[in-house]
């Protein structure tokens, strides 16, 4: 089965310094193209299909993807494509592609390879927290195995050649997803985001380029791929993200110390609305779940864990919600079913210090 019903559990590890409640996940993505073959956007359908037929059997049989699943994107229904996007296994651009486009996904969904997105190959590894070293090791191992079999477009001075000039060089994008509601509530977020831009890091929403920061989740990634090696790029990213995590932690502690009513109101208001609302749009749901996530981290909420919040944040999104209901739904109907799901799942949750009800 291509998609599992439960989200991967986030867990604290030594490598993230106990910051798993802020640094949600990380990703390393490598862009590669076959030598002397036109990039997907310049190729015709027959050429794209030839590339797919060349790469996909090898990926399935020889690349070491244990129990991997392959999907030709053009043959998938709209709900499955949406689910793949929501799990960050394909991009929104990939979801719109036709014949010749596909994705190979490992059983645990931590390694995926897109075929004929913007480039012939997009290798990506996703790990919890700030485990970029593990993500890099996984993506790099796949890259090395592929390069033993296929000749990539490479320039001795420039490095790997890619469809987008901004990816030329290493072809690598490393990113960390962070939850920054504390900085938003303390009115410090804009200053932090401007500082990241000055450091030539890219900040995007949860769904990548052009997306909004739904649920106060931000994807911080390297902007430069030319003139530096992969280790230097990742080390710089981890240093900066570590500083952002520290600032978010301090913002939360300041709120708890200086503005406890603001912090409690944010969490209590979100819980009250979730437990009573009858209509809920996706972005609204993610923002309220963001507040509960903060509440769990700050010890303000009982009968709920961060892992449960993250799982629900996935299942309230359109693709997962419709798969859960077993039928395609119009947006208005989805809003009703989303509100019903959230009330059902979060009915037992209470604020600490308040009388618990069953």
Protein backbone atom coordinates (compact mmCIF):
# COMPACT_ATOMS: atom_id res chain seq x y z
CA UNK A 1 0.00 0.00 0.00
CA UNK A 2 1.42 3.35 -1.02
CA UNK A 3 0.17 5.36 1.96
CA UNK A 4 0.03 4.32 5.59
CA UNK A 5 -2.92 5.40 7.71
CA UNK A 6 -0.90 6.85 10.60
CA UNK A 7 1.65 9.63 10.62
CA UNK A 8 5.22 8.80 11.53
CA UNK A 9 5.75 9.32 15.25
CA UNK A 10 8.09 12.17 16.11
CA UNK A 11 10.51 11.33 18.88
CA UNK A 12 13.24 13.11 20.75
CA UNK A 13 16.78 12.13 19.84
CA UNK A 14 20.24 13.07 20.97
CA UNK A 15 20.91 14.73 17.62
CA UNK A 16 18.15 17.31 17.96
CA UNK A 17 19.20 18.43 21.40
CA UNK A 18 15.74 17.83 22.87
CA UNK A 19 14.19 20.32 20.46
CA UNK A 20 11.66 17.95 18.86
CA UNK A 21 8.73 20.07 20.04
CA UNK A 22 10.09 22.96 17.90
CA UNK A 23 12.17 21.28 15.17
CA UNK A 24 9.54 18.97 13.70
CA UNK A 25 11.38 17.28 10.84
CA UNK A 26 14.21 17.74 8.35
CA UNK A 27 14.79 16.86 4.73
CA UNK A 28 17.66 16.52 2.27
CA UNK A 29 16.76 16.66 -1.41
CA UNK A 30 19.13 16.05 -4.32
CA UNK A 31 18.33 17.11 -7.90
CA UNK A 32 19.92 15.01 -10.64
CA UNK A 33 19.56 14.76 -14.43
CA UNK A 34 20.66 12.19 -16.97
CA UNK A 35 23.46 13.25 -19.30
CA UNK A 36 22.44 14.20 -22.86
CA UNK A 37 18.73 13.85 -22.10
CA UNK A 38 16.47 16.90 -22.23
CA UNK A 39 15.09 18.18 -18.94
CA UNK A 40 11.46 17.12 -18.32
CA UNK A 41 9.96 20.53 -19.13
CA UNK A 42 11.79 20.58 -22.48
CA UNK A 43 11.14 16.93 -23.34
CA UNK A 44 8.06 15.55 -25.06
CA UNK A 45 5.82 12.88 -23.57
CA UNK A 46 7.64 10.00 -25.26
CA UNK A 47 11.00 11.16 -23.91
CA UNK A 48 9.63 11.51 -20.38
CA UNK A 49 8.10 8.04 -20.57
CA UNK A 50 11.43 6.58 -21.76
CA UNK A 51 13.18 8.15 -18.75
CA UNK A 52 10.51 6.74 -16.42
CA UNK A 53 10.80 3.28 -17.97
CA UNK A 54 14.59 3.44 -17.66
CA UNK A 55 14.78 4.60 -14.04
CA UNK A 56 11.77 3.06 -12.31
CA UNK A 57 12.66 -0.67 -12.68
CA UNK A 58 16.16 -0.06 -11.35
CA UNK A 59 14.86 1.95 -8.40
CA UNK A 60 12.41 -0.79 -7.50
CA UNK A 61 14.72 -3.77 -7.93
CA UNK A 62 18.25 -2.61 -7.25
CA UNK A 63 18.28 0.55 -5.16
CA UNK A 64 17.70 -1.12 -1.81
CA UNK A 65 14.32 0.48 -1.15
CA UNK A 66 12.89 -2.19 1.12
CA UNK A 67 9.26 -2.95 0.21
CA UNK A 68 9.18 0.18 -1.94
CA UNK A 69 6.06 1.17 -3.87
CA UNK A 70 5.98 2.91 -7.23
CA UNK A 71 3.21 5.11 -8.56
CA UNK A 72 2.77 6.76 -11.94
CA UNK A 73 1.34 10.10 -10.87
CA UNK A 74 -0.87 10.50 -13.91
CA UNK A 75 -2.71 7.28 -13.07
CA UNK A 76 -3.50 8.28 -9.49
CA UNK A 77 -6.84 9.70 -8.42
CA UNK A 78 -7.01 13.25 -7.09
CA UNK A 79 -7.31 12.16 -3.46
CA UNK A 80 -4.18 9.98 -3.57
CA UNK A 81 -2.19 12.75 -5.25
CA UNK A 82 -3.33 15.14 -2.53
CA UNK A 83 -2.28 12.68 0.17
CA UNK A 84 1.18 12.29 -1.34
CA UNK A 85 1.56 16.07 -1.30
CA UNK A 86 0.34 16.32 2.27
CA UNK A 87 2.93 13.75 3.32
CA UNK A 88 5.61 15.69 1.40
CA UNK A 89 6.39 12.66 -0.75
CA UNK A 90 5.71 14.60 -3.95
CA UNK A 91 5.60 18.32 -4.69
CA UNK A 92 2.50 20.22 -5.72
CA UNK A 93 4.10 20.65 -9.13
CA UNK A 94 4.60 16.90 -9.40
CA UNK A 95 0.94 16.29 -8.56
CA UNK A 96 -0.04 18.13 -11.76
CA UNK A 97 2.27 16.15 -14.04
CA UNK A 98 1.07 13.63 -16.59
CA UNK A 99 2.55 10.57 -18.35
CA UNK A 100 6.17 9.84 -17.50
CA UNK A 101 6.00 11.31 -13.99
CA UNK A 102 6.13 9.03 -10.98
CA UNK A 103 7.45 8.45 -7.49
CA UNK A 104 9.12 5.54 -5.73
CA UNK A 105 8.49 5.51 -1.97
CA UNK A 106 10.23 3.42 0.68
CA UNK A 107 8.08 1.43 3.09
CA UNK A 108 8.69 3.79 6.01
CA UNK A 109 8.22 6.86 3.76
CA UNK A 110 11.55 8.30 4.84
CA UNK A 111 13.10 7.92 1.40
CA UNK A 112 11.38 8.82 -1.86
CA UNK A 113 12.53 9.45 -5.41
CA UNK A 114 10.48 11.57 -7.81
CA UNK A 115 10.96 10.88 -11.52
CA UNK A 116 10.40 13.66 -14.07
CA UNK A 117 9.37 16.47 -11.79
CA UNK A 118 11.42 19.58 -12.68
CA UNK A 119 14.49 17.33 -12.97
CA UNK A 120 14.79 13.72 -14.03
CA UNK A 121 15.41 12.68 -10.42
CA UNK A 122 14.58 14.28 -7.09
CA UNK A 123 15.99 12.11 -4.31
CA UNK A 124 14.68 13.08 -0.88
CA UNK A 125 15.18 11.73 2.61
CA UNK A 126 13.02 12.89 5.54
CA UNK A 127 13.95 12.39 9.19
CA UNK A 128 12.47 13.57 12.51
CA UNK A 129 13.81 16.57 14.37
CA UNK A 130 17.16 17.97 13.23
CA UNK A 131 18.68 14.67 12.08
CA UNK A 132 20.10 16.16 8.89
CA UNK A 133 23.17 13.93 9.04
CA UNK A 134 20.96 10.83 8.83
CA UNK A 135 18.87 12.37 6.06
CA UNK A 136 22.02 13.23 4.12
CA UNK A 137 23.46 9.74 4.59
CA UNK A 138 20.27 8.17 3.24
CA UNK A 139 19.93 10.49 0.23
CA UNK A 140 23.64 10.33 -0.56
CA UNK A 141 23.68 6.53 -0.47
CA UNK A 142 20.86 6.45 -3.02
CA UNK A 143 22.66 9.06 -5.14
CA UNK A 144 25.88 7.04 -5.18
CA UNK A 145 24.07 3.85 -6.18
CA UNK A 146 22.30 5.67 -8.99
CA UNK A 147 25.52 7.25 -10.22
CA UNK A 148 27.13 3.84 -10.47
CA UNK A 149 24.42 2.86 -12.94
CA UNK A 150 23.55 6.09 -14.78
CA UNK A 151 25.65 8.99 -16.06
CA UNK A 152 24.46 12.33 -14.68
CA UNK A 153 24.68 15.78 -16.28
CA UNK A 154 27.78 17.25 -14.61
CA UNK A 155 30.11 20.15 -15.33
CA UNK A 156 33.66 20.07 -13.96
CA UNK A 157 33.49 23.69 -12.83
CA UNK A 158 29.79 24.18 -12.06
CA UNK A 159 28.87 20.79 -10.63
CA UNK A 160 25.55 19.02 -11.20
CA UNK A 161 23.41 20.64 -13.90
CA UNK A 162 19.75 21.19 -13.10
CA UNK A 163 16.63 22.61 -14.72
CA UNK A 164 16.58 25.57 -12.32
CA UNK A 165 19.85 27.57 -12.20
CA UNK A 166 19.47 28.08 -8.44
CA UNK A 167 20.04 24.33 -7.93
CA UNK A 168 23.20 24.08 -10.04
CA UNK A 169 26.25 22.91 -8.07
CA UNK A 170 25.54 20.40 -5.34
CA UNK A 171 21.91 20.13 -6.43
CA UNK A 172 21.12 19.87 -2.73
CA UNK A 173 18.38 21.51 -0.69
CA UNK A 174 18.50 20.81 3.02
CA UNK A 175 15.67 22.04 5.19
CA UNK A 176 14.30 21.91 8.73
CA UNK A 177 10.61 22.37 9.57
CA UNK A 178 10.13 24.44 12.73
CA UNK A 179 7.07 25.42 14.80
CA UNK A 180 7.35 29.11 15.73
CA UNK A 181 4.12 30.10 17.44
CA UNK A 182 5.97 31.44 20.49
CA UNK A 183 7.81 33.99 18.34
CA UNK A 184 4.52 34.94 16.68
CA UNK A 185 2.78 35.54 20.01
CA UNK A 186 5.71 37.60 21.30
CA UNK A 187 5.75 39.69 18.09
CA UNK A 188 9.35 38.71 17.34
CA UNK A 189 8.72 36.46 14.35
CA UNK A 190 9.07 39.05 11.58
CA UNK A 191 12.47 40.16 12.87
CA UNK A 192 13.69 36.54 12.95
CA UNK A 193 12.46 35.88 9.40
CA UNK A 194 14.19 39.02 8.12
CA UNK A 195 17.42 37.92 9.80
CA UNK A 196 17.19 34.53 8.07
CA UNK A 197 16.82 36.23 4.70
CA UNK A 198 19.92 38.34 5.39
CA UNK A 199 21.78 35.11 6.09
CA UNK A 200 20.73 33.91 2.62
CA UNK A 201 18.46 31.19 3.91
CA UNK A 202 15.06 30.56 2.36
CA UNK A 203 11.94 30.50 4.54
CA UNK A 204 8.78 28.91 3.17
CA UNK A 205 5.50 27.52 4.40
CA UNK A 206 4.84 23.90 5.22
CA UNK A 207 4.19 22.98 1.56
CA UNK A 208 7.30 24.60 0.14
CA UNK A 209 7.66 27.33 -2.46
CA UNK A 210 4.72 29.73 -2.66
CA UNK A 211 2.87 28.22 0.31
CA UNK A 212 1.66 29.91 3.46
CA UNK A 213 2.99 29.05 6.93
CA UNK A 214 -0.15 27.15 7.97
CA UNK A 215 -0.07 26.12 11.61
CA UNK A 216 2.90 28.45 12.20
CA UNK A 217 5.19 25.88 10.59
CA UNK A 218 8.16 27.23 8.63
CA UNK A 219 10.59 25.43 6.36
CA UNK A 220 14.10 26.88 6.61
CA UNK A 221 16.49 25.79 3.86
CA UNK A 222 19.77 26.67 2.18
CA UNK A 223 19.51 29.15 -0.69
CA UNK A 224 22.93 28.57 -2.27
CA UNK A 225 24.02 25.32 -3.91
CA UNK A 226 27.02 26.57 -5.91
CA UNK A 227 30.50 27.02 -4.46
CA UNK A 228 30.03 25.05 -1.22
CA UNK A 229 30.05 21.36 -0.42
CA UNK A 230 27.11 19.55 1.14
CA UNK A 231 28.62 19.29 4.61
CA UNK A 232 29.31 23.03 4.83
CA UNK A 233 25.78 23.84 3.69
CA UNK A 234 24.24 21.54 6.28
CA UNK A 235 26.50 22.71 9.09
CA UNK A 236 25.56 26.32 8.39
CA UNK A 237 21.86 25.45 8.27
CA UNK A 238 22.01 23.52 11.54
CA UNK A 239 23.86 26.37 13.28
CA UNK A 240 21.26 28.91 12.23
CA UNK A 241 18.26 26.68 12.91
CA UNK A 242 19.74 25.93 16.33
CA UNK A 243 19.70 29.67 17.02
CA UNK A 244 16.08 29.91 15.83
CA UNK A 245 15.09 27.03 18.11
CA UNK A 246 16.82 28.80 21.00
CA UNK A 247 14.94 32.04 20.25
CA UNK A 248 11.62 30.20 20.03
CA UNK A 249 12.33 28.47 23.34
CA UNK A 250 13.14 31.80 24.98
CA UNK A 251 10.00 33.40 23.51
CA UNK A 252 7.89 30.64 25.05
CA UNK A 253 9.55 31.05 28.43
CA UNK A 254 9.07 34.83 28.33
CA UNK A 255 5.40 34.38 27.54
CA UNK A 256 5.05 31.96 30.43
CA UNK A 257 6.78 34.38 32.78
CA UNK A 258 5.59 37.80 31.60
CA UNK A 259 2.32 37.16 29.73
CA UNK A 260 0.81 33.94 31.05
CA UNK A 261 -2.72 35.16 30.25
CA UNK A 262 -1.79 35.61 26.58
CA UNK A 263 -0.33 32.11 26.42
CA UNK A 264 -3.23 30.47 28.22
CA UNK A 265 -5.82 32.39 26.20
CA UNK A 266 -4.24 31.21 22.95
CA UNK A 267 -4.41 27.57 24.02
CA UNK A 268 -7.78 27.72 25.79
CA UNK A 269 -9.46 29.60 22.95
CA UNK A 270 -8.20 27.06 20.40
CA UNK A 271 -9.41 24.10 22.50
CA UNK A 272 -12.81 25.68 23.12
CA UNK A 273 -13.38 26.38 19.43
CA UNK A 274 -12.24 22.91 18.36
CA UNK A 275 -14.54 21.25 20.89
CA UNK A 276 -17.59 23.24 19.78
CA UNK A 277 -17.16 24.24 16.10
CA UNK A 278 -19.35 22.66 13.42
CA UNK A 279 -17.46 24.05 10.41
CA UNK A 280 -13.67 24.23 10.11
CA UNK A 281 -11.48 25.13 7.12
CA UNK A 282 -8.07 23.48 6.74
CA UNK A 283 -5.95 26.54 7.55
CA UNK A 284 -8.11 27.37 10.56
CA UNK A 285 -7.81 23.81 11.86
CA UNK A 286 -4.02 23.84 11.49
CA UNK A 287 -3.75 27.14 13.36
CA UNK A 288 -5.82 25.81 16.28
CA UNK A 289 -3.81 22.60 16.36
CA UNK A 290 -0.68 24.75 16.39
CA UNK A 291 -1.93 26.39 19.59
CA UNK A 292 -2.60 22.98 21.15
CA UNK A 293 0.84 21.82 20.12
CA UNK A 294 2.31 24.78 21.98
CA UNK A 295 0.04 24.04 24.94
CA UNK A 296 1.28 20.44 25.15
CA UNK A 297 4.90 21.60 24.97
CA UNK A 298 4.32 24.15 27.75
CA UNK A 299 2.51 21.69 30.01
CA UNK A 300 -0.86 23.45 29.71
CA UNK A 301 -2.82 20.56 28.22
CA UNK A 302 -3.67 17.10 29.49
CA UNK A 303 -4.65 13.90 27.66
CA UNK A 304 -2.80 14.91 24.51
CA UNK A 305 0.70 14.45 23.08
CA UNK A 306 2.63 16.26 20.35
CA UNK A 307 2.60 13.06 18.28
CA UNK A 308 -1.21 13.01 18.43
CA UNK A 309 -1.39 16.67 17.39
CA UNK A 310 0.95 16.07 14.45
CA UNK A 311 -1.06 13.04 13.33
CA UNK A 312 -4.31 15.00 13.48
CA UNK A 313 -2.73 17.91 11.60
CA UNK A 314 -2.12 15.45 8.77
CA UNK A 315 -5.54 13.82 8.83
CA UNK A 316 -7.54 17.07 8.73
CA UNK A 317 -5.99 17.98 5.37
CA UNK A 318 -8.22 17.49 2.31
CA UNK A 319 -6.67 14.34 0.84
CA UNK A 320 -6.40 12.43 4.11
CA UNK A 321 -9.82 13.59 5.29
CA UNK A 322 -11.51 12.36 2.11
CA UNK A 323 -9.66 9.03 2.23
CA UNK A 324 -10.80 8.61 5.84
CA UNK A 325 -14.40 9.26 4.81
CA UNK A 326 -14.05 6.96 1.83
CA UNK A 327 -15.55 9.40 -0.65
CA UNK A 328 -14.71 12.59 -2.53
CA UNK A 329 -16.25 15.61 -0.80
CA UNK A 330 -16.99 19.16 -1.85
CA UNK A 331 -15.02 21.79 0.15
CA UNK A 332 -18.06 22.84 2.21
CA UNK A 333 -18.76 19.24 3.17
CA UNK A 334 -15.11 18.70 4.03
CA UNK A 335 -15.27 21.64 6.43
CA UNK A 336 -18.17 20.00 8.27
CA UNK A 337 -16.48 16.58 8.42
CA UNK A 338 -13.21 18.15 9.55
CA UNK A 339 -14.92 19.88 12.45
CA UNK A 340 -16.67 16.62 13.39
CA UNK A 341 -13.37 14.72 13.34
CA UNK A 342 -11.59 17.27 15.50
CA UNK A 343 -14.40 17.36 18.07
CA UNK A 344 -14.39 13.57 18.24
CA UNK A 345 -10.63 13.20 18.55
CA UNK A 346 -10.07 16.05 21.02
CA UNK A 347 -13.17 15.68 23.21
CA UNK A 348 -11.18 14.18 26.14
CA UNK A 349 -8.57 16.96 26.14
CA UNK A 350 -8.61 19.43 29.05
CA UNK A 351 -6.49 22.30 30.28
CA UNK A 352 -4.36 21.58 33.32
CA UNK A 353 -5.94 22.87 36.50
CA UNK A 354 -9.48 22.71 35.08
CA UNK A 355 -12.01 20.12 36.18
CA UNK A 356 -11.69 17.08 33.99
CA UNK A 357 -14.82 15.74 32.35
CA UNK A 358 -15.34 12.50 30.50
